[in-house]
Protein backbone atom coordinates (compact mmCIF):
# COMPACT_ATOMS: atom_id res chain seq x y z
CA UNK A 1 1.55 -119.41 -25.68
CA UNK A 2 0.68 -117.67 -29.08
CA UNK A 3 -0.60 -114.81 -26.21
CA UNK A 4 2.43 -114.51 -24.16
CA UNK A 5 4.85 -114.59 -27.56
CA UNK A 6 2.79 -111.96 -28.94
CA UNK A 7 2.49 -110.08 -25.86
CA UNK A 8 6.44 -110.38 -25.70
CA UNK A 9 7.07 -109.28 -29.15
CA UNK A 10 4.62 -105.70 -28.41
CA UNK A 11 6.79 -105.13 -25.52
CA UNK A 12 10.28 -105.29 -27.04
CA UNK A 13 9.22 -103.40 -29.97
CA UNK A 14 7.53 -100.61 -27.41
CA UNK A 15 10.82 -100.38 -25.26
CA UNK A 16 13.17 -100.02 -28.97
CA UNK A 17 10.97 -97.72 -29.97
CA UNK A 18 11.25 -95.67 -26.70
CA UNK A 19 15.04 -95.93 -26.93
CA UNK A 20 15.52 -95.00 -30.48
CA UNK A 21 13.76 -91.56 -29.61
CA UNK A 22 15.25 -90.95 -26.67
CA UNK A 23 18.59 -91.26 -28.60
CA UNK A 24 16.95 -88.98 -31.16
CA UNK A 25 16.25 -86.07 -28.59
CA UNK A 26 19.71 -86.47 -26.65
CA UNK A 27 21.76 -83.61 -27.70
CA UNK A 28 24.71 -83.73 -29.48
CA UNK A 29 28.14 -82.38 -28.73
CA UNK A 30 30.58 -81.78 -31.75
CA UNK A 31 34.16 -82.49 -31.34
CA UNK A 32 36.65 -79.63 -31.68
CA UNK A 33 37.96 -79.61 -35.68
CA UNK A 34 41.53 -78.04 -34.70
CA UNK A 35 43.45 -76.65 -31.85
CA UNK A 36 44.86 -73.10 -31.34
CA UNK A 37 47.99 -73.98 -32.54
CA UNK A 38 46.52 -75.45 -35.70
CA UNK A 39 44.61 -72.49 -36.62
CA UNK A 40 47.48 -69.90 -36.26
CA UNK A 41 49.51 -71.97 -38.50
CA UNK A 42 47.15 -71.65 -41.33
CA UNK A 43 47.78 -69.24 -43.44
CA UNK A 44 46.01 -65.78 -43.48
CA UNK A 45 46.63 -62.07 -42.42
CA UNK A 46 48.46 -60.97 -39.56
CA UNK A 47 49.24 -57.63 -37.63
CA UNK A 48 51.31 -57.07 -34.79
CA UNK A 49 51.79 -54.14 -32.74
CA UNK A 50 54.77 -53.72 -30.21
CA UNK A 51 57.00 -51.62 -27.97
CA UNK A 52 60.88 -51.71 -28.33
CA UNK A 53 63.91 -50.65 -26.35
CA UNK A 54 67.24 -50.96 -27.85
CA UNK A 55 70.76 -49.61 -28.51
CA UNK A 56 71.89 -48.17 -31.86
CA UNK A 57 76.07 -48.25 -32.12
CA UNK A 58 77.84 -45.84 -33.96
CA UNK A 59 80.60 -47.33 -36.47
CA UNK A 60 84.12 -45.44 -37.07
CA UNK A 61 82.98 -42.22 -35.25
CA UNK A 62 79.54 -42.06 -35.95
CA UNK A 63 77.44 -41.41 -32.84
CA UNK A 64 75.38 -43.52 -30.96
CA UNK A 65 71.88 -43.77 -28.97
CA UNK A 66 68.80 -45.45 -26.84
CA UNK A 67 66.41 -46.37 -29.04
CA UNK A 68 62.36 -46.60 -27.48
CA UNK A 69 59.52 -46.96 -29.91
CA UNK A 70 56.88 -48.90 -31.58
CA UNK A 71 57.26 -51.31 -34.54
CA UNK A 72 54.49 -52.51 -36.82
CA UNK A 73 54.04 -55.75 -38.53
CA UNK A 74 51.68 -56.68 -41.57
CA UNK A 75 52.12 -59.37 -43.36
CA UNK A 76 50.75 -62.95 -43.96
CA UNK A 77 51.21 -66.66 -42.93
CA UNK A 78 51.87 -68.86 -46.05
CA UNK A 79 51.68 -72.03 -44.72
CA UNK A 80 52.99 -73.72 -41.45
CA UNK A 81 56.37 -72.99 -41.75
CA UNK A 82 56.36 -69.61 -43.56
CA UNK A 83 55.49 -66.10 -43.50
CA UNK A 84 56.16 -62.79 -45.19
CA UNK A 85 56.05 -59.72 -43.06
CA UNK A 86 56.41 -56.05 -43.64
CA UNK A 87 57.77 -54.67 -40.88
CA UNK A 88 58.01 -50.79 -39.87
CA UNK A 89 59.62 -49.13 -36.72
CA UNK A 90 59.71 -45.30 -35.48
CA UNK A 91 61.92 -45.13 -32.73
CA UNK A 92 63.21 -41.65 -30.63
CA UNK A 93 67.05 -42.20 -30.95
CA UNK A 94 69.07 -40.20 -27.80
CA UNK A 95 72.08 -39.85 -25.76
CA UNK A 96 73.50 -36.96 -24.31
CA UNK A 97 76.37 -35.91 -27.09
CA UNK A 98 75.23 -38.52 -29.29
CA UNK A 99 71.90 -39.37 -31.67
CA UNK A 100 69.21 -36.87 -30.79
CA UNK A 101 66.33 -37.40 -33.15
CA UNK A 102 64.19 -39.90 -34.72
CA UNK A 103 65.43 -43.24 -36.19
CA UNK A 104 62.64 -44.71 -38.97
CA UNK A 105 62.71 -47.98 -40.82
CA UNK A 106 60.96 -50.74 -43.02
CA UNK A 107 62.17 -54.04 -44.25
CA UNK A 108 60.47 -56.91 -45.88
CA UNK A 109 60.98 -59.92 -43.64
CA UNK A 110 61.01 -63.68 -44.89
CA UNK A 111 60.06 -65.76 -41.44
CA UNK A 112 60.56 -69.43 -40.60
CA UNK A 113 58.56 -70.69 -38.14
CA UNK A 114 60.95 -73.14 -36.66
CA UNK A 115 58.39 -74.48 -34.04
CA UNK A 116 54.99 -73.22 -33.45
CA UNK A 117 56.16 -70.80 -30.47
CA UNK A 118 59.58 -70.07 -32.41
CA UNK A 119 60.54 -68.05 -35.55
CA UNK A 120 63.34 -66.61 -37.38
CA UNK A 121 63.58 -63.98 -39.66
CA UNK A 122 65.84 -61.82 -41.88
CA UNK A 123 64.94 -58.58 -43.16
CA UNK A 124 66.41 -55.87 -45.82
CA UNK A 125 64.90 -52.28 -46.33
CA UNK A 126 65.55 -49.03 -45.79
CA UNK A 127 66.38 -47.34 -42.50
CA UNK A 128 66.78 -43.10 -42.07
CA UNK A 129 67.70 -40.68 -39.42
CA UNK A 130 66.02 -37.40 -38.59
CA UNK A 131 67.69 -34.95 -35.99
CA UNK A 132 66.94 -31.47 -35.12
CA UNK A 133 69.41 -29.45 -32.49
CA UNK A 134 71.64 -31.85 -31.23
CA UNK A 135 74.44 -30.17 -29.12
CA UNK A 136 77.46 -31.53 -30.78
CA UNK A 137 80.24 -29.09 -32.09
CA UNK A 138 80.61 -28.05 -35.75
CA UNK A 139 83.02 -29.76 -37.46
CA UNK A 140 85.25 -28.22 -40.30
CA UNK A 141 84.91 -27.23 -43.33
CA UNK A 142 82.31 -25.37 -41.71
CA UNK A 143 79.08 -24.44 -44.51
CA UNK A 144 80.03 -20.76 -44.29
CA UNK A 145 83.41 -21.17 -45.71
CA UNK A 146 82.14 -23.44 -48.55
CA UNK A 147 81.54 -22.71 -52.29
CA UNK A 148 79.99 -26.05 -53.13
CA UNK A 149 78.72 -28.80 -51.72
CA UNK A 150 80.85 -31.33 -49.40
CA UNK A 151 81.31 -34.59 -48.77
CA UNK A 152 83.25 -35.60 -45.86
CA UNK A 153 85.69 -38.45 -46.57
CA UNK A 154 84.83 -40.60 -43.38
CA UNK A 155 82.67 -39.99 -39.70
CA UNK A 156 85.70 -40.05 -37.08
CA UNK A 157 84.11 -35.97 -36.59
CA UNK A 158 80.19 -36.45 -37.53
CA UNK A 159 78.08 -33.82 -38.44
CA UNK A 160 76.22 -31.54 -36.03
CA UNK A 161 73.03 -32.90 -37.24
CA UNK A 162 71.76 -35.71 -39.90
CA UNK A 163 68.86 -35.69 -41.88
CA UNK A 164 69.07 -39.05 -44.53
CA UNK A 165 67.89 -42.52 -45.28
CA UNK A 166 70.00 -45.70 -46.48
CA UNK A 167 70.09 -49.55 -46.33
CA UNK A 168 68.60 -51.30 -43.34
CA UNK A 169 69.10 -55.00 -42.68
CA UNK A 170 68.02 -57.30 -39.68
CA UNK A 171 67.96 -60.55 -37.89
CA UNK A 172 65.01 -61.38 -35.91
CA UNK A 173 64.39 -64.30 -33.22
CA UNK A 174 60.49 -64.18 -32.20
CA UNK A 175 58.74 -66.51 -29.51
CA UNK A 176 55.15 -66.33 -29.58
CA UNK A 177 52.68 -67.57 -27.26
CA UNK A 178 48.88 -67.92 -27.59
CA UNK A 179 46.30 -66.26 -25.94
CA UNK A 180 43.41 -67.39 -28.21
CA UNK A 181 41.76 -67.81 -31.52
CA UNK A 182 42.51 -64.06 -32.50
CA UNK A 183 45.67 -62.87 -30.52
CA UNK A 184 49.07 -64.02 -29.03
CA UNK A 185 51.46 -62.19 -27.51
CA UNK A 186 55.20 -62.34 -28.65
CA UNK A 187 58.79 -61.46 -27.72
CA UNK A 188 61.35 -60.52 -30.17
CA UNK A 189 65.24 -60.01 -30.23
CA UNK A 190 66.59 -58.22 -33.08
CA UNK A 191 69.77 -57.21 -34.51
CA UNK A 192 70.04 -54.51 -36.63
CA UNK A 193 72.60 -52.57 -38.99
CA UNK A 194 72.12 -49.28 -40.83
CA UNK A 195 73.86 -46.95 -43.47
CA UNK A 196 72.99 -43.71 -43.77
CA UNK A 197 73.55 -41.32 -46.23
CA UNK A 198 73.49 -37.68 -44.02
CA UNK A 199 72.54 -34.58 -45.62
CA UNK A 200 72.74 -30.96 -44.00
CA UNK A 201 71.86 -27.70 -45.52
CA UNK A 202 74.26 -24.80 -44.81
CA UNK A 203 71.75 -22.38 -45.42
CA UNK A 204 73.60 -20.83 -48.36
CA UNK A 205 73.48 -21.09 -51.89
CA UNK A 206 76.40 -21.83 -54.96
CA UNK A 207 77.60 -18.46 -56.09
CA UNK A 208 77.53 -19.85 -59.88
CA UNK A 209 74.20 -22.25 -59.95
CA UNK A 210 72.26 -20.64 -56.90
CA UNK A 211 71.97 -24.19 -55.91
CA UNK A 212 71.73 -25.26 -52.15
CA UNK A 213 75.23 -25.92 -50.42
CA UNK A 214 75.08 -28.99 -48.48
CA UNK A 215 77.84 -31.08 -46.33
CA UNK A 216 77.35 -34.91 -46.70
CA UNK A 217 78.76 -37.58 -44.51
CA UNK A 218 78.05 -41.56 -44.43
CA UNK A 219 77.28 -42.82 -40.75
CA UNK A 220 77.38 -46.56 -40.43
CA UNK A 221 75.33 -48.12 -37.21
CA UNK A 222 74.55 -51.45 -35.61
CA UNK A 223 72.40 -52.68 -33.09
CA UNK A 224 70.17 -54.53 -31.14
CA UNK A 225 66.68 -54.30 -29.81
CA UNK A 226 64.03 -56.36 -27.45
CA UNK A 227 60.79 -56.36 -28.23
CA UNK A 228 57.13 -57.03 -26.41
CA UNK A 229 53.78 -56.89 -28.81
CA UNK A 230 50.59 -58.51 -29.60
CA UNK A 231 49.70 -60.35 -32.66
CA UNK A 232 46.04 -60.59 -34.42
CA UNK A 233 44.67 -62.50 -37.15
């Protein structure tokens, strides 16, 4: 009996050693530590680039135009709920008898992430318009009749061209879809407003001071644009 007991104990020890050795040699598979949505909610740098199409509507007589261009977002995801972006837009503004040139803008946009996919933002910054030849008729007083610079009281009769900068504001809703750990795609609807201080050089000089004679006019615009783009982190 003692011999049988010793043999049984030896066999059990051998089986236990074999099982332990097999467990040590078996490959270990690590579990995922975070989902894609959790990764995108972490703080860090963000870069977005998109194409936009929209409308810039002139108020109180200012000319209107269609917008087609690009927008760049650069900023930081602060936490799961907030981001801070700087947005830069360059778009052609065109319409027969209306705007004919470039509309540019730069704003600082605090952004609230309502859900992992939906975000709302409000921005404030600068916006400007640069026009060349537009085909719009000239308005009185003509530059050739002025002895000093002149500021128009309103924009009912817009200048034939505008070059100027002013304050710009926006409200934005963004829907994003994660493509992977480093990229996501987005669709944005943006409402914009802008006041521009237009300046047109007449090509003449004041007789007493030899300073350029310019005509000035304030333009106000409101509009909307739809954007599609990609964001990287």
